[in-house]
Amino acid sequence: MLWAQSWFYFLYSFIKQIGYLWNPWSSSQRVLLKKVGKEILYAHQNRHKIELDIESKGLDGLVTRIDRFSEELTIETLKASYPNHSFLGEEFGMQEGRGEDADWCWIIDPLDGTKNFVHGVPQFCVSIAVQHKGVTQHGVIYDPVRDEMFSASRGKGARLNQRRINVSERKTIDGGFFTTGHPLERKRNGEVISYAKQHFESLQKISEAGGQVRRLGSAALDLCYVAAGRFDGYFEMSIKPWDIAAGELIVTEARGVVVDHTGAHNSMTSGSIFACNVKLLKPLMQTVVPIWGDVL
């Protein structure tokens, strides 16, 4: 299975990029990632020949054998070097570590943008973050289609490949360029809540204020694009920790700010997120949050 071997070797190399004893910008590692990225593109471009075993996860979208295979082997590989660390993955949930090393937690999304991948849309990535005592220390997000690696280590800034990046300096919604996601239902107290009406009203409100909104289908890349100044801001009301763990640090290290709908740095828990520069944060939240209302 060429795709499986290629994806695994890519992940193995990719993981090494953010080990806390590893240089995340090693030139030899970048060369290796480029070689393996070609194999990933082969799998993507020849997906019609591959048994993807696509399943629905209900409100959580689609899952393929690539998601499961990649996450399982990623964790197994990491455990060989860090047997007592904790792991949180999209497909297999939380695996608690042991002893003091359990305070280190790897948060893994082996394929963010699964629906894009399944339908042949070239907008997906791998996202891995390393936390210590709940604080993200390192994050790397790799887009094999464009050969773009976004990375950050706490206190050391954010980079796209070898270039330092920063968020945009826009101060107003007018003229702004934003990105969001469209998960239109969520569970609350065991009940499925629809917030399609509130979500699309918020898009209309931004449009009326002179802004434009796009939906690309990968929260991790959305955050990277904010960090690089490609988008002025990102907002979403129902997001998972593995979608944003690495991207949150990348935006913050790119001189941006990431908060939830209350203004707290708690998006990993609350599931709501706003990411932009500090001057744009207030007008963006004032435009969107009142419309979201009690669905949060």
C-alpha atoms as a PDB file:
ATOM      1  CA  MET A   1       0.000   0.000   0.000  1.00  0.00           C
ATOM      2  CA  LEU A   2       2.086   2.891  -1.321  1.00  0.00           C
ATOM      3  CA  TRP A   3      -0.189   5.553   0.136  1.00  0.00           C
ATOM      4  CA  ALA A   4      -0.072   4.027   3.627  1.00  0.00           C
ATOM      5  CA  GLN A   5       3.699   3.662   3.684  1.00  0.00           C
ATOM      6  CA  SER A   6       4.231   7.124   2.240  1.00  0.00           C
ATOM      7  CA  TRP A   7       1.842   8.800   4.671  1.00  0.00           C
ATOM      8  CA  PHE A   8       3.386   7.010   7.629  1.00  0.00           C
ATOM      9  CA  TYR A   9       6.968   7.877   6.700  1.00  0.00           C
ATOM     10  CA  PHE A  10       5.884  11.454   6.140  1.00  0.00           C
ATOM     11  CA  LEU A  11       4.305  11.592   9.593  1.00  0.00           C
ATOM     12  CA  TYR A  12       7.295   9.942  11.225  1.00  0.00           C
ATOM     13  CA  SER A  13       9.605  12.589   9.772  1.00  0.00           C
ATOM     14  CA  PHE A  14       7.106  15.343  10.468  1.00  0.00           C
ATOM     15  CA  ILE A  15       6.773  14.359  14.124  1.00  0.00           C
ATOM     16  CA  LYS A  16      10.523  14.631  14.568  1.00  0.00           C
ATOM     17  CA  GLN A  17      10.242  18.264  13.560  1.00  0.00           C
ATOM     18  CA  ILE A  18       8.587  19.210  16.830  1.00  0.00           C
ATOM     19  CA  GLY A  19      10.120  16.904  19.394  1.00  0.00           C
ATOM     20  CA  TYR A  20      11.150  19.259  22.182  1.00  0.00           C
ATOM     21  CA  LEU A  21      14.765  18.054  21.807  1.00  0.00           C
ATOM     22  CA  TRP A  22      14.707  18.526  18.032  1.00  0.00           C
ATOM     23  CA  ASN A  23      15.532  21.459  15.774  1.00  0.00           C
ATOM     24  CA  PRO A  24      12.191  22.145  14.016  1.00  0.00           C
ATOM     25  CA  TRP A  25      13.861  23.960  11.133  1.00  0.00           C
ATOM     26  CA  SER A  26      16.616  21.465  10.254  1.00  0.00           C
ATOM     27  CA  SER A  27      17.453  21.731   6.552  1.00  0.00           C
ATOM     28  CA  SER A  28      17.855  17.964   6.215  1.00  0.00           C
ATOM     29  CA  GLN A  29      14.387  17.435   7.629  1.00  0.00           C
ATOM     30  CA  ARG A  30      12.897  19.953   5.213  1.00  0.00           C
ATOM     31  CA  VAL A  31      14.484  18.114   2.287  1.00  0.00           C
ATOM     32  CA  LEU A  32      13.058  14.822   3.531  1.00  0.00           C
ATOM     33  CA  LEU A  33       9.597  16.315   3.932  1.00  0.00           C
ATOM     34  CA  LYS A  34       9.671  17.559   0.356  1.00  0.00           C
ATOM     35  CA  LYS A  35      10.502  14.078  -0.916  1.00  0.00           C
ATOM     36  CA  VAL A  36       7.783  12.423   1.116  1.00  0.00           C
ATOM     37  CA  GLY A  37       5.323  15.188   0.237  1.00  0.00           C
ATOM     38  CA  LYS A  38       5.499  14.048  -3.378  1.00  0.00           C
ATOM     39  CA  GLU A  39       4.280  10.609  -2.303  1.00  0.00           C
ATOM     40  CA  ILE A  40       1.409  12.166  -0.370  1.00  0.00           C
ATOM     41  CA  LEU A  41       0.405  14.091  -3.452  1.00  0.00           C
ATOM     42  CA  TYR A  42       0.467  10.833  -5.365  1.00  0.00           C
ATOM     43  CA  ALA A  43      -2.014   9.359  -2.883  1.00  0.00           C
ATOM     44  CA  HIS A  44      -4.212  12.435  -3.139  1.00  0.00           C
ATOM     45  CA  GLN A  45      -4.158  12.551  -6.922  1.00  0.00           C
ATOM     46  CA  ASN A  46      -4.842   8.813  -7.181  1.00  0.00           C
ATOM     47  CA  ARG A  47      -7.419   8.602  -4.406  1.00  0.00           C
ATOM     48  CA  HIS A  48      -9.936   6.976  -6.809  1.00  0.00           C
ATOM     49  CA  LYS A  49      -7.660   3.903  -6.832  1.00  0.00           C
ATOM     50  CA  ILE A  50      -7.384   3.731  -3.052  1.00  0.00           C
ATOM     51  CA  GLU A  51      -9.710   2.000  -0.591  1.00  0.00           C
ATOM     52  CA  LEU A  52     -10.449   4.948   1.688  1.00  0.00           C
ATOM     53  CA  ASP A  53     -13.174   3.202   3.750  1.00  0.00           C
ATOM     54  CA  ILE A  54     -15.020   6.473   4.277  1.00  0.00           C
ATOM     55  CA  GLU A  55     -17.349   6.593   7.282  1.00  0.00           C
ATOM     56  CA  SER A  56     -19.497   9.295   8.818  1.00  0.00           C
ATOM     57  CA  LYS A  57     -18.865  10.378  12.420  1.00  0.00           C
ATOM     58  CA  GLY A  58     -22.181  12.202  12.585  1.00  0.00           C
ATOM     59  CA  LEU A  59     -21.698  15.753  13.811  1.00  0.00           C
ATOM     60  CA  ASP A  60     -17.930  15.285  13.673  1.00  0.00           C
ATOM     61  CA  GLY A  61     -17.779  14.779   9.896  1.00  0.00           C
ATOM     62  CA  LEU A  62     -15.978  12.083   7.923  1.00  0.00           C
ATOM     63  CA  VAL A  63     -13.200   9.658   8.799  1.00  0.00           C
ATOM     64  CA  THR A  64     -11.121   7.522   6.438  1.00  0.00           C
ATOM     65  CA  ARG A  65      -8.664   4.682   6.923  1.00  0.00           C
ATOM     66  CA  ILE A  66      -5.921   7.253   6.328  1.00  0.00           C
ATOM     67  CA  ASP A  67      -7.035   9.199   9.422  1.00  0.00           C
ATOM     68  CA  ARG A  68      -7.066   6.087  11.615  1.00  0.00           C
ATOM     69  CA  PHE A  69      -3.949   4.477  10.195  1.00  0.00           C
ATOM     70  CA  SER A  70      -1.940   7.682  10.418  1.00  0.00           C
ATOM     71  CA  GLU A  71      -2.952   8.519  13.964  1.00  0.00           C
ATOM     72  CA  GLU A  72      -2.388   5.017  15.296  1.00  0.00           C
ATOM     73  CA  LEU A  73       1.071   4.687  13.782  1.00  0.00           C
ATOM     74  CA  THR A  74       1.980   8.236  14.772  1.00  0.00           C
ATOM     75  CA  ILE A  75       1.215   7.529  18.411  1.00  0.00           C
ATOM     76  CA  GLU A  76       2.987   4.163  18.319  1.00  0.00           C
ATOM     77  CA  THR A  77       6.076   5.813  16.850  1.00  0.00           C
ATOM     78  CA  LEU A  78       6.085   8.587  19.433  1.00  0.00           C
ATOM     79  CA  LYS A  79       5.575   6.154  22.292  1.00  0.00           C
ATOM     80  CA  ALA A  80       8.770   4.384  21.301  1.00  0.00           C
ATOM     81  CA  SER A  81      10.670   7.564  22.211  1.00  0.00           C
ATOM     82  CA  TYR A  82       8.301   9.031  24.800  1.00  0.00           C
ATOM     83  CA  PRO A  83       6.589   6.025  26.441  1.00  0.00           C
ATOM     84  CA  ASN A  84       5.241   7.976  29.415  1.00  0.00           C
ATOM     85  CA  HIS A  85       3.879  10.999  27.544  1.00  0.00           C
ATOM     86  CA  SER A  86       0.157  11.598  27.075  1.00  0.00           C
ATOM     87  CA  PHE A  87      -1.514  11.644  23.658  1.00  0.00           C
ATOM     88  CA  LEU A  88      -4.703  13.230  22.382  1.00  0.00           C
ATOM     89  CA  GLY A  89      -5.860  12.367  18.881  1.00  0.00           C
ATOM     90  CA  GLU A  90      -8.991  13.001  16.866  1.00  0.00           C
ATOM     91  CA  GLU A  91      -9.748   9.350  16.153  1.00  0.00           C
ATOM     92  CA  PHE A  92      -8.628   7.541  19.324  1.00  0.00           C
ATOM     93  CA  GLY A  93      -9.181  10.153  22.019  1.00  0.00           C
ATOM     94  CA  MET A  94      -7.058  10.705  25.128  1.00  0.00           C
ATOM     95  CA  GLN A  95      -4.339   8.296  26.232  1.00  0.00           C
ATOM     96  CA  GLU A  96      -3.014   9.273  29.642  1.00  0.00           C
ATOM     97  CA  GLY A  97       0.715   9.063  30.303  1.00  0.00           C
ATOM     98  CA  ARG A  98       2.523   7.993  33.465  1.00  0.00           C
ATOM     99  CA  GLY A  99       4.446   9.821  36.149  1.00  0.00           C
ATOM    100  CA  GLU A 100       5.861  13.310  35.675  1.00  0.00           C
ATOM    101  CA  ASP A 101       6.198  12.779  31.927  1.00  0.00           C
ATOM    102  CA  ALA A 102       2.404  12.560  31.689  1.00  0.00           C
ATOM    103  CA  ASP A 103       2.440  16.368  31.876  1.00  0.00           C
ATOM    104  CA  TRP A 104       3.732  16.303  28.282  1.00  0.00           C
ATOM    105  CA  CYS A 105       0.882  15.806  25.828  1.00  0.00           C
ATOM    106  CA  TRP A 106       1.007  15.394  22.048  1.00  0.00           C
ATOM    107  CA  ILE A 107      -2.129  16.647  20.298  1.00  0.00           C
ATOM    108  CA  ILE A 108      -2.464  15.113  16.856  1.00  0.00           C
ATOM    109  CA  ASP A 109      -4.692  15.642  13.844  1.00  0.00           C
ATOM    110  CA  PRO A 110      -3.143  13.442  11.134  1.00  0.00           C
ATOM    111  CA  LEU A 111      -5.425  14.773   8.402  1.00  0.00           C
ATOM    112  CA  ASP A 112      -7.224  18.068   8.973  1.00  0.00           C
ATOM    113  CA  GLY A 113      -9.533  18.707   6.054  1.00  0.00           C
ATOM    114  CA  THR A 114     -10.665  15.115   5.518  1.00  0.00           C
ATOM    115  CA  LYS A 115     -13.688  16.049   3.436  1.00  0.00           C
ATOM    116  CA  ASN A 116     -11.477  18.115   1.134  1.00  0.00           C
ATOM    117  CA  PHE A 117      -9.088  15.167   0.782  1.00  0.00           C
ATOM    118  CA  VAL A 118     -11.911  12.745  -0.004  1.00  0.00           C
ATOM    119  CA  HIS A 119     -13.358  15.013  -2.695  1.00  0.00           C
ATOM    120  CA  GLY A 120     -10.036  15.899  -4.273  1.00  0.00           C
ATOM    121  CA  VAL A 121      -9.885  19.466  -2.983  1.00  0.00           C
ATOM    122  CA  PRO A 122      -6.195  20.288  -2.363  1.00  0.00           C
ATOM    123  CA  GLN A 123      -6.686  21.935   1.031  1.00  0.00           C
ATOM    124  CA  PHE A 124      -5.657  19.672   3.915  1.00  0.00           C
ATOM    125  CA  CYS A 125      -2.767  19.282   6.317  1.00  0.00           C
ATOM    126  CA  VAL A 126      -1.220  17.504   9.274  1.00  0.00           C
ATOM    127  CA  SER A 127      -1.281  19.287  12.626  1.00  0.00           C
ATOM    128  CA  ILE A 128       0.739  18.296  15.693  1.00  0.00           C
ATOM    129  CA  ALA A 129       1.289  20.214  18.922  1.00  0.00           C
ATOM    130  CA  VAL A 130       3.229  19.473  22.092  1.00  0.00           C
ATOM    131  CA  GLN A 131       1.887  20.756  25.398  1.00  0.00           C
ATOM    132  CA  HIS A 132       3.462  20.789  28.848  1.00  0.00           C
ATOM    133  CA  LYS A 133       1.048  21.101  31.759  1.00  0.00           C
ATOM    134  CA  GLY A 134      -1.661  22.336  29.405  1.00  0.00           C
ATOM    135  CA  VAL A 135       0.476  25.013  27.731  1.00  0.00           C
ATOM    136  CA  THR A 136       1.412  24.508  24.088  1.00  0.00           C
ATOM    137  CA  GLN A 137       5.188  24.682  23.647  1.00  0.00           C
ATOM    138  CA  HIS A 138       5.628  23.664  20.006  1.00  0.00           C
ATOM    139  CA  GLY A 139       3.340  23.434  17.006  1.00  0.00           C
ATOM    140  CA  VAL A 140       3.842  22.430  13.392  1.00  0.00           C
ATOM    141  CA  ILE A 141       1.314  22.328  10.561  1.00  0.00           C
ATOM    142  CA  TYR A 142       2.363  20.993   7.174  1.00  0.00           C
ATOM    143  CA  ASP A 143       0.516  21.420   3.879  1.00  0.00           C
ATOM    144  CA  PRO A 144       2.007  18.833   1.494  1.00  0.00           C
ATOM    145  CA  VAL A 145       0.140  20.198  -1.521  1.00  0.00           C
ATOM    146  CA  ARG A 146       1.914  23.565  -1.382  1.00  0.00           C
ATOM    147  CA  ASP A 147       4.978  22.357   0.523  1.00  0.00           C
ATOM    148  CA  GLU A 148       4.281  24.900   3.253  1.00  0.00           C
ATOM    149  CA  MET A 149       5.372  24.229   6.810  1.00  0.00           C
ATOM    150  CA  PHE A 150       4.054  26.586   9.478  1.00  0.00           C
ATOM    151  CA  SER A 151       5.809  26.234  12.822  1.00  0.00           C
ATOM    152  CA  ALA A 152       6.240  27.937  16.163  1.00  0.00           C
ATOM    153  CA  SER A 153       7.951  27.392  19.487  1.00  0.00           C
ATOM    154  CA  ARG A 154       6.851  29.409  22.479  1.00  0.00           C
ATOM    155  CA  GLY A 155       8.715  32.694  22.709  1.00  0.00           C
ATOM    156  CA  LYS A 156      10.552  32.201  19.414  1.00  0.00           C
ATOM    157  CA  GLY A 157       8.100  33.554  16.841  1.00  0.00           C
ATOM    158  CA  ALA A 158       6.288  31.845  13.978  1.00  0.00           C
ATOM    159  CA  ARG A 159       7.639  30.777  10.627  1.00  0.00           C
ATOM    160  CA  LEU A 160       6.466  29.689   7.216  1.00  0.00           C
ATOM    161  CA  ASN A 161       9.249  27.408   6.028  1.00  0.00           C
ATOM    162  CA  GLN A 162      12.282  29.575   6.910  1.00  0.00           C
ATOM    163  CA  ARG A 163      10.559  32.960   6.794  1.00  0.00           C
ATOM    164  CA  ARG A 164       9.236  34.779   9.870  1.00  0.00           C
ATOM    165  CA  ILE A 165       5.547  35.619   9.593  1.00  0.00           C
ATOM    166  CA  ASN A 166       3.192  38.052  11.309  1.00  0.00           C
ATOM    167  CA  VAL A 167      -0.539  38.687  11.362  1.00  0.00           C
ATOM    168  CA  SER A 168      -1.998  41.550   9.343  1.00  0.00           C
ATOM    169  CA  GLU A 169      -2.376  45.067  10.746  1.00  0.00           C
ATOM    170  CA  ARG A 170      -5.986  45.676   9.709  1.00  0.00           C
ATOM    171  CA  LYS A 171      -8.040  47.520  12.337  1.00  0.00           C
ATOM    172  CA  THR A 172     -11.582  47.431  10.913  1.00  0.00           C
ATOM    173  CA  ILE A 173     -14.094  44.967   9.504  1.00  0.00           C
ATOM    174  CA  ASP A 174     -14.467  47.229   6.475  1.00  0.00           C
ATOM    175  CA  GLY A 175     -12.086  45.912   3.832  1.00  0.00           C
ATOM    176  CA  GLY A 176     -11.243  42.893   5.968  1.00  0.00           C
ATOM    177  CA  PHE A 177     -10.699  39.384   4.634  1.00  0.00           C
ATOM    178  CA  PHE A 178     -11.885  36.631   6.979  1.00  0.00           C
ATOM    179  CA  THR A 179     -12.199  32.868   7.140  1.00  0.00           C
ATOM    180  CA  THR A 180     -14.559  30.623   9.080  1.00  0.00           C
ATOM    181  CA  GLY A 181     -15.964  27.103   9.277  1.00  0.00           C
ATOM    182  CA  HIS A 182     -19.502  25.847   8.784  1.00  0.00           C
ATOM    183  CA  PRO A 183     -20.248  23.105  11.332  1.00  0.00           C
ATOM    184  CA  LEU A 184     -23.918  23.917  11.801  1.00  0.00           C
ATOM    185  CA  GLU A 185     -24.872  21.593  14.650  1.00  0.00           C
ATOM    186  CA  ARG A 186     -23.474  20.687  18.049  1.00  0.00           C
ATOM    187  CA  LYS A 187     -24.490  18.668  21.080  1.00  0.00           C
ATOM    188  CA  ARG A 188     -25.411  20.442  24.299  1.00  0.00           C
ATOM    189  CA  ASN A 189     -26.622  18.472  27.298  1.00  0.00           C
ATOM    190  CA  GLY A 190     -27.228  15.506  25.023  1.00  0.00           C
ATOM    191  CA  GLU A 191     -29.391  17.521  22.619  1.00  0.00           C
ATOM    192  CA  VAL A 192     -28.427  18.408  19.049  1.00  0.00           C
ATOM    193  CA  ILE A 193     -28.525  22.181  18.637  1.00  0.00           C
ATOM    194  CA  SER A 194     -28.633  23.824  15.206  1.00  0.00           C
ATOM    195  CA  TYR A 195     -27.057  27.228  14.820  1.00  0.00           C
ATOM    196  CA  ALA A 196     -27.156  27.586  11.039  1.00  0.00           C
ATOM    197  CA  LYS A 197     -29.353  30.678  11.333  1.00  0.00           C
ATOM    198  CA  GLN A 198     -26.996  32.457  13.727  1.00  0.00           C
ATOM    199  CA  HIS A 199     -23.925  31.468  11.754  1.00  0.00           C
ATOM    200  CA  PHE A 200     -25.150  32.801   8.430  1.00  0.00           C
ATOM    201  CA  GLU A 201     -26.484  35.945  10.089  1.00  0.00           C
ATOM    202  CA  SER A 202     -22.977  36.599  11.388  1.00  0.00           C
ATOM    203  CA  LEU A 203     -21.600  36.266   7.851  1.00  0.00           C
ATOM    204  CA  GLN A 204     -24.225  38.705   6.616  1.00  0.00           C
ATOM    205  CA  LYS A 205     -23.305  41.153   9.380  1.00  0.00           C
ATOM    206  CA  ILE A 206     -19.644  41.079   8.383  1.00  0.00           C
ATOM    207  CA  SER A 207     -20.593  41.564   4.743  1.00  0.00           C
ATOM    208  CA  GLU A 208     -22.767  44.561   5.629  1.00  0.00           C
ATOM    209  CA  ALA A 209     -19.800  46.043   7.502  1.00  0.00           C
ATOM    210  CA  GLY A 210     -17.646  45.796   4.376  1.00  0.00           C
ATOM    211  CA  GLY A 211     -15.806  42.547   5.066  1.00  0.00           C
ATOM    212  CA  GLN A 212     -15.512  39.379   3.002  1.00  0.00           C
ATOM    213  CA  VAL A 213     -15.546  35.797   4.293  1.00  0.00           C
ATOM    214  CA  ARG A 214     -14.162  32.552   2.873  1.00  0.00           C
ATOM    215  CA  ARG A 215     -14.569  28.936   3.980  1.00  0.00           C
ATOM    216  CA  LEU A 216     -11.609  26.685   3.070  1.00  0.00           C
ATOM    217  CA  GLY A 217     -12.372  23.544   5.078  1.00  0.00           C
ATOM    218  CA  SER A 218      -9.303  23.198   7.323  1.00  0.00           C
ATOM    219  CA  ALA A 219      -9.277  25.019  10.657  1.00  0.00           C
ATOM    220  CA  ALA A 220      -5.563  24.383  11.108  1.00  0.00           C
ATOM    221  CA  LEU A 221      -4.708  26.026   7.785  1.00  0.00           C
ATOM    222  CA  ASP A 222      -7.175  28.847   8.489  1.00  0.00           C
ATOM    223  CA  LEU A 223      -5.145  29.720  11.571  1.00  0.00           C
ATOM    224  CA  CYS A 224      -1.891  29.474   9.633  1.00  0.00           C
ATOM    225  CA  TYR A 225      -3.232  31.836   6.993  1.00  0.00           C
ATOM    226  CA  VAL A 226      -4.157  34.343   9.694  1.00  0.00           C
ATOM    227  CA  ALA A 227      -0.661  34.017  11.146  1.00  0.00           C
ATOM    228  CA  ALA A 228       0.838  34.707   7.716  1.00  0.00           C
ATOM    229  CA  GLY A 229      -1.418  37.724   7.096  1.00  0.00           C
ATOM    230  CA  ARG A 230      -3.289  36.061   4.245  1.00  0.00           C
ATOM    231  CA  PHE A 231      -6.519  36.410   6.193  1.00  0.00           C
ATOM    232  CA  ASP A 232      -7.175  39.225   8.642  1.00  0.00           C
ATOM    233  CA  GLY A 233      -9.142  37.040  11.024  1.00  0.00           C
ATOM    234  CA  TYR A 234     -10.702  33.652  11.708  1.00  0.00           C
ATOM    235  CA  PHE A 235     -13.750  32.785  13.797  1.00  0.00           C
ATOM    236  CA  GLU A 236     -15.750  29.640  14.483  1.00  0.00           C
ATOM    237  CA  MET A 237     -18.172  28.545  17.172  1.00  0.00           C
ATOM    238  CA  SER A 238     -17.673  24.765  17.373  1.00  0.00           C
ATOM    239  CA  ILE A 239     -14.085  23.569  17.140  1.00  0.00           C
ATOM    240  CA  LYS A 240     -12.075  20.685  18.616  1.00  0.00           C
ATOM    241  CA  PRO A 241      -8.747  20.873  20.499  1.00  0.00           C
ATOM    242  CA  TRP A 242      -6.800  18.940  17.848  1.00  0.00           C
ATOM    243  CA  ASP A 243      -8.004  21.355  15.164  1.00  0.00           C
ATOM    244  CA  ILE A 244      -6.458  24.398  16.825  1.00  0.00           C
ATOM    245  CA  ALA A 245      -3.733  23.354  19.299  1.00  0.00           C
ATOM    246  CA  ALA A 246      -0.817  23.968  16.936  1.00  0.00           C
ATOM    247  CA  GLY A 247      -2.445  26.827  15.029  1.00  0.00           C
ATOM    248  CA  GLU A 248      -3.279  28.759  18.185  1.00  0.00           C
ATOM    249  CA  LEU A 249       0.407  28.935  19.122  1.00  0.00           C
ATOM    250  CA  ILE A 250       1.423  29.806  15.561  1.00  0.00           C
ATOM    251  CA  VAL A 251      -0.978  32.783  15.520  1.00  0.00           C
ATOM    252  CA  THR A 252       0.116  33.941  18.966  1.00  0.00           C
ATOM    253  CA  GLU A 253       3.787  33.741  18.026  1.00  0.00           C
ATOM    254  CA  ALA A 254       2.972  35.695  14.847  1.00  0.00           C
ATOM    255  CA  ARG A 255       1.952  38.621  17.110  1.00  0.00           C
ATOM    256  CA  GLY A 256      -1.714  37.738  16.979  1.00  0.00           C
ATOM    257  CA  VAL A 257      -4.280  36.941  19.637  1.00  0.00           C
ATOM    258  CA  VAL A 258      -6.564  33.920  20.047  1.00  0.00           C
ATOM    259  CA  VAL A 259      -9.573  33.973  22.396  1.00  0.00           C
ATOM    260  CA  ASP A 260     -12.988  32.393  22.777  1.00  0.00           C
ATOM    261  CA  HIS A 261     -16.362  34.176  22.641  1.00  0.00           C
ATOM    262  CA  THR A 262     -15.919  35.484  26.209  1.00  0.00           C
ATOM    263  CA  GLY A 263     -12.526  37.005  25.449  1.00  0.00           C
ATOM    264  CA  ALA A 264     -10.716  34.355  27.493  1.00  0.00           C
ATOM    265  CA  HIS A 265      -7.776  32.289  26.265  1.00  0.00           C
ATOM    266  CA  ASN A 266      -9.897  29.168  26.508  1.00  0.00           C
ATOM    267  CA  SER A 267     -10.743  28.082  22.960  1.00  0.00           C
ATOM    268  CA  MET A 268      -9.340  24.585  23.515  1.00  0.00           C
ATOM    269  CA  THR A 269     -12.048  23.978  26.116  1.00  0.00           C
ATOM    270  CA  SER A 270     -14.952  26.211  25.060  1.00  0.00           C
ATOM    271  CA  GLY A 271     -14.848  25.326  21.364  1.00  0.00           C
ATOM    272  CA  SER A 272     -15.321  28.908  20.160  1.00  0.00           C
ATOM    273  CA  ILE A 273     -12.454  30.837  18.631  1.00  0.00           C
ATOM    274  CA  PHE A 274     -11.449  34.255  17.334  1.00  0.00           C
ATOM    275  CA  ALA A 275      -7.968  34.776  15.873  1.00  0.00           C
ATOM    276  CA  CYS A 276      -6.620  38.072  14.509  1.00  0.00           C
ATOM    277  CA  ASN A 277      -4.438  40.996  15.538  1.00  0.00           C
ATOM    278  CA  VAL A 278      -5.212  42.681  18.846  1.00  0.00           C
ATOM    279  CA  LYS A 279      -6.660  45.851  17.269  1.00  0.00           C
ATOM    280  CA  LEU A 280      -9.134  43.940  15.106  1.00  0.00           C
ATOM    281  CA  LEU A 281     -10.296  41.663  17.916  1.00  0.00           C
ATOM    282  CA  LYS A 282     -12.830  44.028  19.500  1.00  0.00           C
ATOM    283  CA  PRO A 283     -14.688  44.999  16.286  1.00  0.00           C
ATOM    284  CA  LEU A 284     -14.712  41.380  15.095  1.00  0.00           C
ATOM    285  CA  MET A 285     -16.151  40.071  18.354  1.00  0.00           C
ATOM    286  CA  GLN A 286     -18.650  42.936  18.624  1.00  0.00           C
ATOM    287  CA  THR A 287     -19.910  42.056  15.149  1.00  0.00           C
ATOM    288  CA  VAL A 288     -20.191  38.292  15.616  1.00  0.00           C
ATOM    289  CA  VAL A 289     -20.734  37.332  19.272  1.00  0.00           C
ATOM    290  CA  PRO A 290     -24.119  39.068  19.835  1.00  0.00           C
ATOM    291  CA  ILE A 291     -25.550  37.177  16.858  1.00  0.00           C
ATOM    292  CA  TRP A 292     -24.315  33.815  18.104  1.00  0.00           C
ATOM    293  CA  GLY A 293     -26.366  34.377  21.255  1.00  0.00           C
ATOM    294  CA  ASP A 294     -27.390  31.446  23.420  1.00  0.00           C
ATOM    295  CA  VAL A 295     -26.309  28.679  21.029  1.00  0.00           C
ATOM    296  CA  LEU A 296     -22.827  28.874  22.586  1.00  0.00           C
END
